[in-house]
Protein backbone atom coordinates (compact mmCIF):
# COMPACT_ATOMS: atom_id res chain seq x y z
CA UNK A 1 113.99 8.14 77.27
CA UNK A 2 115.50 10.18 74.47
CA UNK A 3 116.47 6.92 72.72
CA UNK A 4 112.87 5.80 72.81
CA UNK A 5 111.67 9.03 71.41
CA UNK A 6 114.21 8.85 68.54
CA UNK A 7 113.29 5.32 67.82
CA UNK A 8 109.52 6.21 67.62
CA UNK A 9 110.24 9.20 65.41
CA UNK A 10 112.27 7.04 63.13
CA UNK A 11 109.52 4.47 62.88
CA UNK A 12 106.96 7.29 62.12
CA UNK A 13 109.13 8.72 59.39
CA UNK A 14 109.67 5.28 57.85
CA UNK A 15 105.97 4.69 57.70
CA UNK A 16 105.35 8.14 56.13
CA UNK A 17 108.12 7.64 53.60
CA UNK A 18 107.23 4.08 52.63
CA UNK A 19 104.21 4.87 50.35
CA UNK A 20 106.21 7.39 48.35
CA UNK A 21 109.07 4.99 47.89
CA UNK A 22 106.72 2.16 47.25
CA UNK A 23 105.30 3.97 44.23
CA UNK A 24 108.60 3.45 42.49
CA UNK A 25 108.12 -0.30 42.38
CA UNK A 26 104.79 0.10 40.56
CA UNK A 27 106.58 1.62 37.55
CA UNK A 28 108.75 -0.19 35.03
CA UNK A 29 111.09 1.09 32.37
CA UNK A 30 110.07 -1.15 29.48
CA UNK A 31 108.97 -1.00 25.91
CA UNK A 32 105.50 0.37 26.23
CA UNK A 33 103.00 -0.68 23.39
CA UNK A 34 101.85 2.49 21.61
CA UNK A 35 99.34 1.13 19.26
CA UNK A 36 98.66 -0.95 16.16
CA UNK A 37 98.19 1.10 12.86
CA UNK A 38 97.30 0.48 9.18
CA UNK A 39 98.56 3.42 7.24
CA UNK A 40 98.61 4.45 3.57
CA UNK A 41 101.02 6.84 1.77
CA UNK A 42 100.95 10.21 3.52
CA UNK A 43 99.06 8.96 6.55
CA UNK A 44 100.48 9.32 10.08
CA UNK A 45 100.49 7.61 13.38
CA UNK A 46 100.51 10.14 16.29
CA UNK A 47 102.45 8.98 19.30
CA UNK A 48 103.48 10.58 22.67
CA UNK A 49 106.05 13.12 21.44
CA UNK A 50 106.59 11.49 17.97
CA UNK A 51 104.84 11.02 14.66
CA UNK A 52 105.45 8.23 12.13
CA UNK A 53 104.49 8.95 8.49
CA UNK A 54 104.41 6.60 5.47
CA UNK A 55 106.43 8.37 2.81
CA UNK A 56 106.08 5.86 0.02
CA UNK A 57 105.49 2.17 -0.69
CA UNK A 58 107.60 0.31 -3.25
CA UNK A 59 105.74 -2.47 -5.12
CA UNK A 60 108.20 -3.00 -8.02
CA UNK A 61 110.23 -5.87 -6.65
CA UNK A 62 110.05 -6.88 -2.98
CA UNK A 63 107.41 -4.90 -1.15
CA UNK A 64 108.98 -2.16 1.02
CA UNK A 65 108.13 1.17 2.47
CA UNK A 66 109.85 4.39 3.39
CA UNK A 67 108.95 5.74 6.96
CA UNK A 68 109.68 9.09 8.35
CA UNK A 69 110.05 9.88 12.06
CA UNK A 70 109.15 13.33 13.51
CA UNK A 71 109.90 14.45 17.02
CA UNK A 72 107.61 17.19 18.25
CA UNK A 73 106.71 17.95 14.62
CA UNK A 74 110.34 18.25 13.62
CA UNK A 75 111.81 15.79 11.04
CA UNK A 76 114.27 13.33 12.61
CA UNK A 77 114.93 10.36 10.36
CA UNK A 78 113.88 8.40 7.34
CA UNK A 79 114.29 4.66 7.00
CA UNK A 80 113.19 1.74 4.81
CA UNK A 81 111.38 -1.38 6.03
CA UNK A 82 109.85 -4.44 4.59
CA UNK A 83 107.81 -7.37 5.93
CA UNK A 84 110.79 -9.65 5.94
CA UNK A 85 114.15 -9.58 7.76
CA UNK A 86 114.01 -5.78 7.81
CA UNK A 87 110.70 -5.54 9.47
CA UNK A 88 111.93 -3.86 12.67
CA UNK A 89 113.56 -0.52 13.19
CA UNK A 90 114.65 1.23 16.46
CA UNK A 91 115.10 4.91 16.54
CA UNK A 92 117.32 6.42 19.08
CA UNK A 93 116.73 3.74 21.66
CA UNK A 94 113.29 5.33 22.13
CA UNK A 95 110.98 4.01 19.38
CA UNK A 96 110.66 0.49 18.08
CA UNK A 97 108.68 0.00 14.82
CA UNK A 98 107.62 -3.48 13.81
CA UNK A 99 106.22 -3.93 10.37
CA UNK A 100 103.59 -6.72 10.24
CA UNK A 101 102.71 -6.56 6.59
CA UNK A 102 102.83 -4.41 3.41
CA UNK A 103 99.92 -5.02 1.07
CA UNK A 104 99.64 -2.85 -1.99
CA UNK A 105 98.97 0.62 -0.55
CA UNK A 106 98.83 -0.14 3.17
CA UNK A 107 101.45 -0.80 5.75
CA UNK A 108 100.49 -2.52 9.03
CA UNK A 109 102.79 -1.88 11.93
CA UNK A 110 103.11 -1.92 15.68
CA UNK A 111 104.94 0.79 17.62
CA UNK A 112 106.62 0.70 21.03
CA UNK A 113 108.21 3.42 23.07
CA UNK A 114 110.93 2.95 25.70
CA UNK A 115 109.80 4.70 28.94
CA UNK A 116 109.08 4.33 32.63
CA UNK A 117 105.38 3.95 33.27
CA UNK A 118 102.93 2.80 35.92
CA UNK A 119 102.37 -0.89 35.55
CA UNK A 120 101.54 -2.37 38.92
CA UNK A 121 98.50 -1.66 41.16
CA UNK A 122 97.41 -2.98 44.55
CA UNK A 123 95.71 -6.28 44.54
CA UNK A 124 95.39 -6.94 48.32
CA UNK A 125 96.08 -3.87 50.51
CA UNK A 126 98.76 -3.75 53.18
CA UNK A 127 97.91 -6.60 55.66
CA UNK A 128 99.40 -7.39 58.99
CA UNK A 129 101.01 -10.81 59.40
CA UNK A 130 102.18 -12.59 62.47
CA UNK A 131 104.00 -15.94 62.67
CA UNK A 132 101.55 -18.68 61.29
CA UNK A 133 99.30 -16.24 59.41
CA UNK A 134 98.28 -16.96 55.85
CA UNK A 135 97.01 -14.78 53.02
CA UNK A 136 95.34 -16.41 50.01
CA UNK A 137 94.75 -14.72 46.68
CA UNK A 138 93.33 -15.92 43.42
CA UNK A 139 96.41 -17.98 42.45
CA UNK A 140 98.80 -17.59 45.35
CA UNK A 141 99.24 -18.31 49.05
CA UNK A 142 101.48 -16.28 51.41
CA UNK A 143 102.46 -17.44 54.83
CA UNK A 144 104.70 -15.88 57.57
CA UNK A 145 106.93 -18.69 58.87
CA UNK A 146 109.23 -16.76 61.25
CA UNK A 147 110.74 -13.44 62.17
CA UNK A 148 114.49 -13.37 63.06
CA UNK A 149 117.51 -11.20 62.90
CA UNK A 150 117.76 -11.93 59.19
CA UNK A 151 114.27 -10.69 58.50
CA UNK A 152 110.86 -12.16 57.94
CA UNK A 153 110.85 -15.69 56.55
CA UNK A 154 107.97 -15.67 54.11
CA UNK A 155 106.66 -18.63 52.06
CA UNK A 156 104.96 -17.92 48.70
CA UNK A 157 103.12 -20.73 46.76
CA UNK A 158 102.43 -19.61 43.27
CA UNK A 159 102.08 -21.16 39.89
CA UNK A 160 102.64 -24.74 41.28
CA UNK A 161 105.96 -23.89 43.05
CA UNK A 162 106.84 -22.84 46.52
CA UNK A 163 109.58 -20.36 47.54
CA UNK A 164 110.78 -19.36 51.01
CA UNK A 165 112.94 -16.30 51.56
CA UNK A 166 113.90 -13.69 54.09
CA UNK A 167 112.49 -10.17 53.52
CA UNK A 168 113.16 -6.85 55.22
CA UNK A 169 111.25 -3.56 55.12
CA UNK A 170 111.00 -2.26 51.50
CA UNK A 171 111.84 -5.58 49.88
CA UNK A 172 109.69 -6.71 47.00
CA UNK A 173 109.78 -9.52 44.59
CA UNK A 174 108.23 -10.02 41.16
CA UNK A 175 107.15 -13.68 40.71
CA UNK A 176 105.72 -13.12 37.19
CA UNK A 177 104.30 -10.46 35.00
CA UNK A 178 101.05 -11.04 36.86
CA UNK A 179 102.06 -11.19 40.51
CA UNK A 180 104.41 -9.28 42.91
CA UNK A 181 104.72 -8.96 46.69
CA UNK A 182 105.96 -5.88 48.61
CA UNK A 183 107.01 -5.99 52.25
CA UNK A 184 105.94 -2.59 53.41
CA UNK A 185 107.31 -2.77 56.96
CA UNK A 186 108.79 -5.23 59.38
CA UNK A 187 108.53 -4.90 63.26
CA UNK A 188 111.05 -7.41 64.66
CA UNK A 189 110.21 -6.54 68.18
CA UNK A 190 106.63 -7.65 67.82
CA UNK A 191 107.44 -10.22 65.12
CA UNK A 192 104.90 -8.48 62.82
CA UNK A 193 105.24 -7.74 59.10
CA UNK A 194 103.05 -5.71 56.72
CA UNK A 195 102.67 -7.14 53.23
CA UNK A 196 100.70 -5.98 50.12
CA UNK A 197 100.26 -7.87 46.86
CA UNK A 198 100.38 -6.18 43.45
CA UNK A 199 98.91 -7.03 40.05
CA UNK A 200 99.15 -5.41 36.61
CA UNK A 201 96.71 -2.49 36.17
CA UNK A 202 94.32 -2.17 33.25
CA UNK A 203 92.50 0.69 31.46
CA UNK A 204 88.76 1.06 31.53
CA UNK A 205 87.12 3.02 28.73
CA UNK A 206 83.95 5.09 29.42
CA UNK A 207 82.17 6.88 26.51
CA UNK A 208 79.67 9.74 26.72
CA UNK A 209 77.98 12.07 24.21
CA UNK A 210 77.82 15.68 25.09
CA UNK A 211 76.26 18.89 23.58
CA UNK A 212 73.83 16.90 21.46
CA UNK A 213 70.98 19.05 20.11
CA UNK A 214 67.36 18.07 20.04
CA UNK A 215 67.41 18.33 16.28
CA UNK A 216 69.65 19.45 13.38
CA UNK A 217 69.12 21.33 10.21
CA UNK A 218 69.26 19.10 7.12
CA UNK A 219 71.86 21.45 5.41
CA UNK A 220 74.22 21.56 8.44
CA UNK A 221 76.61 19.09 10.02
CA UNK A 222 75.42 17.06 12.94
CA UNK A 223 78.17 18.02 15.39
CA UNK A 224 78.59 17.11 19.06
CA UNK A 225 81.38 15.97 21.52
CA UNK A 226 82.49 12.38 22.26
CA UNK A 227 83.91 12.25 25.72
CA UNK A 228 86.37 9.36 26.34
CA UNK A 229 87.31 8.76 30.01
CA UNK A 230 89.90 6.28 31.30
CA UNK A 231 88.43 4.97 34.48
CA UNK A 232 91.11 2.30 34.74
CA UNK A 233 94.29 2.17 36.93
CA UNK A 234 96.87 2.62 34.19
CA UNK A 235 97.30 4.62 30.90
CA UNK A 236 95.47 3.78 27.62
CA UNK A 237 97.86 3.92 24.61
CA UNK A 238 97.33 4.23 20.86
CA UNK A 239 93.68 5.26 21.07
CA UNK A 240 91.78 5.28 17.75
CA UNK A 241 88.29 6.69 17.47
CA UNK A 242 86.22 5.58 14.41
CA UNK A 243 82.69 6.97 13.63
CA UNK A 244 80.12 5.33 11.24
CA UNK A 245 76.68 6.26 10.26
CA UNK A 246 74.26 4.85 7.64
CA UNK A 247 73.04 7.37 5.07
CA UNK A 248 75.57 9.96 6.37
CA UNK A 249 78.94 11.26 5.31
CA UNK A 250 81.43 11.23 8.23
CA UNK A 251 83.84 14.04 8.48
CA UNK A 252 87.04 12.47 9.81
CA UNK A 253 86.11 8.81 10.13
CA UNK A 254 89.23 8.06 12.20
CA UNK A 255 90.88 10.15 14.95
CA UNK A 256 93.94 9.32 17.12
CA UNK A 257 95.29 10.04 20.59
CA UNK A 258 98.50 8.78 21.86
CA UNK A 259 97.97 8.28 25.61
CA UNK A 260 95.12 8.79 28.04
CA UNK A 261 96.27 8.68 31.59
CA UNK A 262 94.23 7.03 34.32
CA UNK A 263 91.35 9.25 35.52
CA UNK A 264 91.73 11.60 32.55
CA UNK A 265 89.28 12.56 29.87
CA UNK A 266 89.71 13.32 26.22
CA UNK A 267 87.22 15.23 24.00
CA UNK A 268 86.65 14.38 20.39
CA UNK A 269 84.47 16.37 17.94
CA UNK A 270 82.06 14.16 15.84
CA UNK A 271 80.86 15.62 12.61
CA UNK A 272 78.55 13.89 10.11
CA UNK A 273 76.60 15.22 7.11
CA UNK A 274 73.13 13.53 6.84
CA UNK A 275 71.22 12.90 3.67
CA UNK A 276 68.37 15.30 3.03
CA UNK A 277 64.90 13.72 3.60
CA UNK A 278 61.43 15.14 2.94
CA UNK A 279 60.28 14.65 6.53
CA UNK A 280 63.61 14.37 8.23
CA UNK A 281 64.48 11.26 10.30
CA UNK A 282 66.31 9.96 13.32
CA UNK A 283 69.84 8.82 12.63
CA UNK A 284 72.09 6.65 14.68
CA UNK A 285 75.84 7.53 14.90
CA UNK A 286 78.13 4.78 16.22
CA UNK A 287 81.54 5.78 17.64
CA UNK A 288 84.07 2.99 18.41
CA UNK A 289 87.18 3.50 20.56
CA UNK A 290 90.15 1.09 20.43
CA UNK A 291 93.21 1.35 22.61
CA UNK A 292 95.99 -0.71 24.33
CA UNK A 293 97.63 -1.20 27.63
CA UNK A 294 101.49 -1.26 27.99
CA UNK A 295 101.65 -4.93 26.89
CA UNK A 296 99.53 -4.49 23.74
CA UNK A 297 96.26 -5.99 25.19
CA UNK A 298 93.50 -4.40 23.19
CA UNK A 299 90.53 -2.59 24.86
CA UNK A 300 87.35 -1.51 23.02
CA UNK A 301 84.10 0.33 23.74
CA UNK A 302 81.44 1.88 21.58
CA UNK A 303 78.48 4.24 21.93
CA UNK A 304 75.39 4.84 19.75
CA UNK A 305 74.17 8.45 19.61
CA UNK A 306 70.63 9.13 18.12
CA UNK A 307 69.87 12.51 16.77
CA UNK A 308 66.99 14.02 14.77
CA UNK A 309 67.44 15.72 11.39
CA UNK A 310 64.68 18.07 10.34
CA UNK A 311 62.83 17.98 7.03
CA UNK A 312 64.30 20.07 4.14
CA UNK A 313 61.10 22.14 4.06
CA UNK A 314 60.54 24.12 7.17
CA UNK A 315 57.70 26.45 8.37
CA UNK A 316 57.55 28.95 11.14
CA UNK A 317 54.59 31.08 12.35
CA UNK A 318 54.87 34.27 14.30
CA UNK A 319 52.09 36.29 15.99
CA UNK A 320 52.57 39.99 16.73
CA UNK A 321 49.85 41.99 18.65
CA UNK A 322 49.04 45.47 17.44
CA UNK A 323 46.83 47.94 19.24
CA UNK A 324 44.21 49.80 17.21
CA UNK A 325 44.50 53.55 17.24
CA UNK A 326 40.91 54.53 16.35
CA UNK A 327 38.74 55.93 19.05
CA UNK A 328 35.87 53.82 17.61
CA UNK A 329 37.65 50.56 16.74
CA UNK A 330 36.06 48.15 14.29
CA UNK A 331 34.13 45.33 15.86
CA UNK A 332 34.59 47.06 19.25
CA UNK A 333 37.89 45.17 19.80
CA UNK A 334 41.04 47.05 20.72
CA UNK A 335 43.74 44.86 19.11
CA UNK A 336 44.56 43.26 15.75
CA UNK A 337 47.30 40.77 14.83
CA UNK A 338 50.13 40.65 12.41
CA UNK A 339 50.83 37.09 11.26
CA UNK A 340 54.25 36.15 9.64
CA UNK A 341 54.71 32.68 8.11
CA UNK A 342 58.36 31.92 7.11
CA UNK A 343 59.11 29.16 4.64
CA UNK A 344 62.53 27.69 3.94
CA UNK A 345 63.69 25.11 1.34
CA UNK A 346 67.07 23.69 2.43
CA UNK A 347 67.27 21.26 -0.39
CA UNK A 348 69.39 21.80 -3.48
CA UNK A 349 66.35 21.66 -5.76
CA UNK A 350 63.25 23.84 -6.43
CA UNK A 351 59.97 22.80 -4.63
CA UNK A 352 56.36 24.07 -4.91
CA UNK A 353 54.45 24.11 -1.63
CA UNK A 354 50.94 24.84 -0.53
CA UNK A 355 50.45 26.82 2.70
CA UNK A 356 47.26 26.86 4.80
CA UNK A 357 46.69 28.83 7.94
CA UNK A 358 43.61 28.45 10.13
CA UNK A 359 42.22 31.23 12.26
CA UNK A 360 39.95 31.37 15.35
CA UNK A 361 36.29 31.47 14.34
CA UNK A 362 35.87 35.14 15.28
CA UNK A 363 38.85 36.41 13.28
CA UNK A 364 38.60 38.05 9.88
CA UNK A 365 41.68 38.41 7.56
CA UNK A 366 42.27 41.99 6.23
CA UNK A 367 42.32 42.51 2.40
CA UNK A 368 42.54 38.81 1.46
CA UNK A 369 39.85 36.25 0.59
CA UNK A 370 41.32 33.29 2.36
CA UNK A 371 44.42 32.00 4.06
CA UNK A 372 45.68 29.64 1.47
CA UNK A 373 48.72 30.22 -0.70
CA UNK A 374 50.89 28.43 -3.26
CA UNK A 375 54.55 29.22 -3.15
CA UNK A 376 57.48 28.22 -5.36
CA UNK A 377 60.61 27.80 -3.20
CA UNK A 378 63.95 27.86 -5.01
CA UNK A 379 66.77 25.78 -3.79
CA UNK A 380 68.11 27.15 -0.52
CA UNK A 381 65.68 29.99 -0.55
CA UNK A 382 63.46 31.62 2.19
CA UNK A 383 60.02 33.15 1.52
CA UNK A 384 57.72 35.03 3.89
CA UNK A 385 53.94 35.36 3.95
CA UNK A 386 52.58 38.28 5.94
CA UNK A 387 48.98 39.31 6.62
CA UNK A 388 46.75 40.93 9.23
CA UNK A 389 43.64 39.69 11.03
CA UNK A 390 41.03 41.48 13.08
CA UNK A 391 39.14 39.82 15.99
CA UNK A 392 35.37 40.53 16.08
CA UNK A 393 35.00 39.61 19.77
CA UNK A 394 37.07 40.16 22.89
CA UNK A 395 38.51 37.29 24.89
CA UNK A 396 41.51 34.93 25.09
CA UNK A 397 42.35 33.13 21.97
CA UNK A 398 44.95 30.61 20.76
CA UNK A 399 46.31 30.42 17.24
CA UNK A 400 46.65 27.08 15.52
CA UNK A 401 49.75 25.99 13.60
CA UNK A 402 50.18 26.79 9.88
CA UNK A 403 50.46 23.87 7.57
CA UNK A 404 52.71 23.43 4.47
CA UNK A 405 52.22 20.52 2.01
CA UNK A 406 54.48 19.41 -0.96
CA UNK A 407 55.24 16.43 -3.15
CA UNK A 408 58.43 14.46 -3.52
CA UNK A 409 58.80 11.30 -5.37
CA UNK A 410 55.05 11.00 -5.92
CA UNK A 411 54.36 11.16 -2.24
CA UNK A 412 52.64 14.05 -0.44
CA UNK A 413 54.17 15.31 2.76
CA UNK A 414 52.45 17.65 5.31
CA UNK A 415 54.23 19.60 8.04
CA UNK A 416 53.02 21.92 10.69
CA UNK A 417 54.63 24.89 12.39
CA UNK A 418 55.42 24.62 16.05
CA UNK A 419 52.39 24.75 18.40
CA UNK A 420 51.84 28.26 19.80
CA UNK A 421 50.92 27.60 23.43
CA UNK A 422 50.73 31.29 24.37
CA UNK A 423 47.10 32.62 24.58
CA UNK A 424 46.48 36.04 23.10
CA UNK A 425 44.09 38.40 24.80
CA UNK A 426 41.75 40.73 22.90
CA UNK A 427 40.33 43.62 24.83
CA UNK A 428 36.94 45.12 23.86
CA UNK A 429 33.23 45.19 24.66
CA UNK A 430 30.80 42.38 24.32
CA UNK A 431 27.37 42.13 25.96
CA UNK A 432 25.11 39.31 25.04
CA UNK A 433 21.35 38.75 25.81
CA UNK A 434 19.58 35.39 25.58
CA UNK A 435 15.81 34.73 25.87
CA UNK A 436 14.61 31.22 26.77
CA UNK A 437 11.25 29.60 27.54
CA UNK A 438 10.72 26.87 30.11
CA UNK A 439 8.58 25.12 27.51
CA UNK A 440 7.84 25.91 23.82
CA UNK A 441 4.41 24.15 24.03
CA UNK A 442 1.53 25.09 26.44
CA UNK A 443 -2.22 24.94 26.62
CA UNK A 444 -4.56 27.84 26.99
CA UNK A 445 -4.92 28.83 30.70
CA UNK A 446 -1.50 27.23 31.59
CA UNK A 447 1.59 29.10 32.72
CA UNK A 448 5.32 29.16 31.64
CA UNK A 449 8.40 30.87 32.68
CA UNK A 450 10.57 33.18 30.47
CA UNK A 451 14.15 33.67 31.30
CA UNK A 452 16.36 36.60 30.30
CA UNK A 453 20.13 36.03 30.59
CA UNK A 454 22.55 38.96 30.17
CA UNK A 455 26.41 38.51 30.15
CA UNK A 456 29.28 40.88 29.95
CA UNK A 457 32.06 38.96 28.17
CA UNK A 458 34.27 42.01 27.47
CA UNK A 459 36.66 44.13 29.61
CA UNK A 460 34.42 47.19 30.18
CA UNK A 461 31.68 47.99 32.54
CA UNK A 462 28.16 48.80 31.20
CA UNK A 463 24.94 50.29 32.40
CA UNK A 464 22.21 48.07 31.12
CA UNK A 465 18.41 48.37 31.07
CA UNK A 466 15.54 46.40 29.48
CA UNK A 467 11.69 46.21 29.66
CA UNK A 468 9.88 43.24 28.23
CA UNK A 469 7.10 43.62 25.57
CA UNK A 470 4.51 41.00 26.51
CA UNK A 471 2.13 40.22 23.56
CA UNK A 472 -1.77 40.20 23.97
CA UNK A 473 -1.72 36.32 23.74
CA UNK A 474 0.03 36.22 27.12
CA UNK A 475 -0.67 37.81 30.50
CA UNK A 476 2.11 38.80 32.90
CA UNK A 477 1.77 37.04 36.27
CA UNK A 478 4.85 37.80 38.28
CA UNK A 479 8.67 38.08 38.18
CA UNK A 480 11.36 40.35 36.75
CA UNK A 481 10.24 41.69 33.34
CA UNK A 482 12.49 44.77 33.47
CA UNK A 483 15.78 45.81 35.00
CA UNK A 484 18.17 48.84 35.15
CA UNK A 485 21.62 48.35 36.54
CA UNK A 486 25.38 47.89 36.12
CA UNK A 487 27.12 44.94 34.62
CA UNK A 488 30.75 44.48 35.48
CA UNK A 489 33.21 42.60 33.13
CA UNK A 490 32.61 38.83 33.57
CA UNK A 491 29.20 39.32 35.24
CA UNK A 492 26.11 37.29 34.14
CA UNK A 493 22.59 38.25 35.36
CA UNK A 494 19.47 36.18 34.95
CA UNK A 495 15.87 37.31 35.19
CA UNK A 496 12.73 35.19 35.24
CA UNK A 497 9.03 35.98 35.00
CA UNK A 498 5.81 34.02 34.53
CA UNK A 499 3.01 34.44 31.89
CA UNK A 500 -0.49 33.00 31.45
CA UNK A 501 -1.69 31.74 27.98
CA UNK A 502 -4.92 33.59 26.80
CA UNK A 503 -5.60 32.05 23.40
CA UNK A 504 -4.33 29.40 21.14
CA UNK A 505 -1.91 29.89 18.21
CA UNK A 506 1.71 29.80 16.97
CA UNK A 507 3.72 32.81 18.00
CA UNK A 508 7.25 34.22 17.87
CA UNK A 509 7.70 36.27 21.07
CA UNK A 510 9.12 39.78 20.76
CA UNK A 511 12.91 40.20 21.05
CA UNK A 512 14.30 41.44 24.34
CA UNK A 513 16.03 44.72 23.63
CA UNK A 514 18.96 45.82 25.84
CA UNK A 515 19.92 49.41 26.09
CA UNK A 516 23.71 49.61 27.06
CA UNK A 517 25.85 52.57 27.91
CA UNK A 518 29.67 52.22 28.22
CA UNK A 519 31.91 54.17 30.63
CA UNK A 520 32.35 56.97 27.95
CA UNK A 521 28.60 57.46 27.64
CA UNK A 522 28.36 55.75 24.32
CA UNK A 523 24.96 54.14 23.89
CA UNK A 524 23.81 51.18 21.71
CA UNK A 525 21.17 48.46 21.70
CA UNK A 526 21.48 44.74 21.29
CA UNK A 527 18.51 42.27 20.89
CA UNK A 528 17.89 38.68 21.65
CA UNK A 529 16.49 36.00 19.32
CA UNK A 530 12.67 35.56 19.00
CA UNK A 531 11.73 32.31 20.79
CA UNK A 532 8.91 30.19 19.34
CA UNK A 533 5.80 29.36 21.35
CA UNK A 534 2.90 27.03 20.51
CA UNK A 535 -0.31 27.52 22.52
CA UNK A 536 -2.83 24.74 22.10
CA UNK A 537 -6.57 24.81 22.92
CA UNK A 538 -7.67 23.27 26.24
CA UNK A 539 -8.97 19.70 26.16
CA UNK A 540 -12.98 19.58 26.12
CA UNK A 541 -14.97 16.41 27.12
CA UNK A 542 -17.46 14.95 24.55
CA UNK A 543 -21.14 14.52 26.05
CA UNK A 544 -22.27 12.01 23.33
CA UNK A 545 -19.33 9.77 24.19
CA UNK A 546 -20.19 10.03 27.91
CA UNK A 547 -23.96 9.01 27.28
CA UNK A 548 -22.99 6.03 25.12
CA UNK A 549 -20.42 4.76 27.63
CA UNK A 550 -22.93 5.11 30.38
CA UNK A 551 -25.60 3.14 28.50
CA UNK A 552 -23.25 0.30 27.57
CA UNK A 553 -22.08 0.06 31.19
CA UNK A 554 -25.64 0.09 32.53
CA UNK A 555 -26.75 -2.55 30.03
CA UNK A 556 -23.90 -4.80 30.80
CA UNK A 557 -24.66 -4.57 34.51
CA UNK A 558 -28.36 -5.24 34.04
CA UNK A 559 -27.74 -8.29 31.82
CA UNK A 560 -25.26 -9.73 34.37
CA UNK A 561 -27.71 -9.32 37.20
CA UNK A 562 -30.64 -11.00 35.23
CA UNK A 563 -32.90 -7.95 35.48
CA UNK A 564 -35.90 -7.68 33.13
CA UNK A 565 -36.77 -4.08 34.02
CA UNK A 566 -36.63 -1.41 31.40
CA UNK A 567 -33.47 0.70 30.99
CA UNK A 568 -34.62 4.21 31.69
CA UNK A 569 -32.32 6.10 29.29
CA UNK A 570 -33.27 4.09 26.17
CA UNK A 571 -36.91 2.87 26.82
CA UNK A 572 -36.09 -0.60 25.29
CA UNK A 573 -37.27 -3.76 27.15
CA UNK A 574 -35.19 -6.94 27.32
CA UNK A 575 -37.70 -8.93 25.13
CA UNK A 576 -37.62 -6.15 22.46
CA UNK A 577 -33.82 -6.30 22.43
CA UNK A 578 -33.90 -10.07 22.12
CA UNK A 579 -36.34 -9.87 19.17
CA UNK A 580 -34.16 -7.41 17.37
CA UNK A 581 -31.14 -9.56 17.77
CA UNK A 582 -33.04 -12.59 16.45
CA UNK A 583 -34.38 -10.86 13.37
CA UNK A 584 -30.84 -9.41 12.65
CA UNK A 585 -29.32 -12.93 12.79
CA UNK A 586 -31.93 -14.44 10.46
CA UNK A 587 -31.53 -11.57 8.01
CA UNK A 588 -27.70 -11.94 7.99
CA UNK A 589 -28.04 -15.76 7.59
CA UNK A 590 -30.28 -15.42 4.47
CA UNK A 591 -27.90 -12.95 2.98
CA UNK A 592 -24.89 -15.23 3.42
CA UNK A 593 -26.89 -18.24 2.05
CA UNK A 594 -27.99 -16.37 -1.08
CA UNK A 595 -24.47 -15.89 -2.27
CA UNK A 596 -23.65 -19.59 -3.15
CA UNK A 597 -27.18 -19.90 -4.70
CA UNK A 598 -26.61 -17.13 -7.07
CA UNK A 599 -23.11 -18.45 -7.88
CA UNK A 600 -24.55 -21.90 -8.65
CA UNK A 601 -27.23 -20.49 -11.05
CA UNK A 602 -24.64 -18.32 -12.76
CA UNK A 603 -22.34 -21.23 -13.46
CA UNK A 604 -25.24 -23.36 -14.85
CA UNK A 605 -26.22 -20.70 -17.25
CA UNK A 606 -22.78 -20.28 -18.67
CA UNK A 607 -22.17 -24.02 -19.24
CA UNK A 608 -25.54 -24.81 -20.92
């Protein structure tokens, strides 16, 4: 029994220890590629713990260069290389520098560092095999042939060849730089083996832009963070970040970083100086990242970041509410406003600008004729326009943006300040009265309605009264022609009464006069407009027209019925009427016939 427990404990410990020991086979102590560089005199390649600097380049005879090695910023060694037989130099068995070419003022080189580093990663995870089982990968096939005292007989078919060998727990074999197997654990009693396959890892570059502002000032740098993350399974070496931007000056076009471990992130600061534009523009900044794995395989990624650069002329508008201190404030409103317009010229030249500010309709500027100005802005200067306005009515108001206009290169540019969404409240008193007619046209003896509408649009309560003055041309019939009461803020009251028209004419009805008293007992009067009313005479029927119409109707009916009796109203018989018509026809015929006869006689007389 104790033996079985000891055996079980040993197996458990072996299983727990295996992953830690297996991590060792994933690393290799080899020459790790650190990067490919093209350096001029004085330029450096920054490595993990070392720096390589180009001291000089000799172009007199055979091209050669002197390189300096620094370890942790301390000078270590100087050596000379060329692109021929002396193109390789090894420093202290730690660095290997290979010169690829020397062209005029540039040296192209590759650098390697001797170190142990993670190379292998899991391809197919630990898999249980029993005799006869087969595992197939992309380019290999693994079969368990037998389990005996010598271990597990495993057959591996790879790259066109087949190899059979005995393996025990912890054994591994590298078949190429691309494929390795690891026997994690062998259970001889159950003839079961656990195998995993390994492959070379690879870096994976992810790029993100951070802390990018919505917009940038034209006289400042566009500055933000470039975040480079290695989402791969092995380190990324020799990382070089290059930044480019049209119509911009890049500060630090190239940046280096020696090694970015798997799962780690490196932050780079991107700075560019944009060109100054009249209306600003959106610019695109492209950052490219290049790096290598341990074998020198190149990995690339890039990201485009779009930012907005403001115009070189800027305008800001600020509204400050002030309370009036007078007990009897002007216009009956309790606030006035201070308006501050700030102009900036961020260009390196002088610019003349025109500024316009629009006010709400009921606002009056203090001590100025209008809200238009011409300002000469020196290079890099700031100017302020400040004035005050008084509202003539209470209520909620919104201010419109101020506008600045200027010319550049023959073109006119217009820019507005930011929209002010905040409404501004003006306290005060405002009572209105309207007088309307249901119709502005009526006839004598007709009736119309007159409507009186009273509104309190201010913040204070009022006592209100009125009594209508009805002119002599109209007679009051019924309704509300007078009122005495209280009008709360926001209230509207409507009163209607009817009148009767007495005589025709054109009239302007009298104004309705309101007597109002505020909470402090202050009294005043306001009046409505004078509505126009046209009163027309009543329509009267014409008796002569009625008699003539009756006669014609009666005559037509008598003729149609063949009656020969006399028509009572006229006293004319049918025979008399027929005689009159006949004589009229004959007279008309003779008159028409006489015209050609006279014309004939006139022509004969002329041509005799």
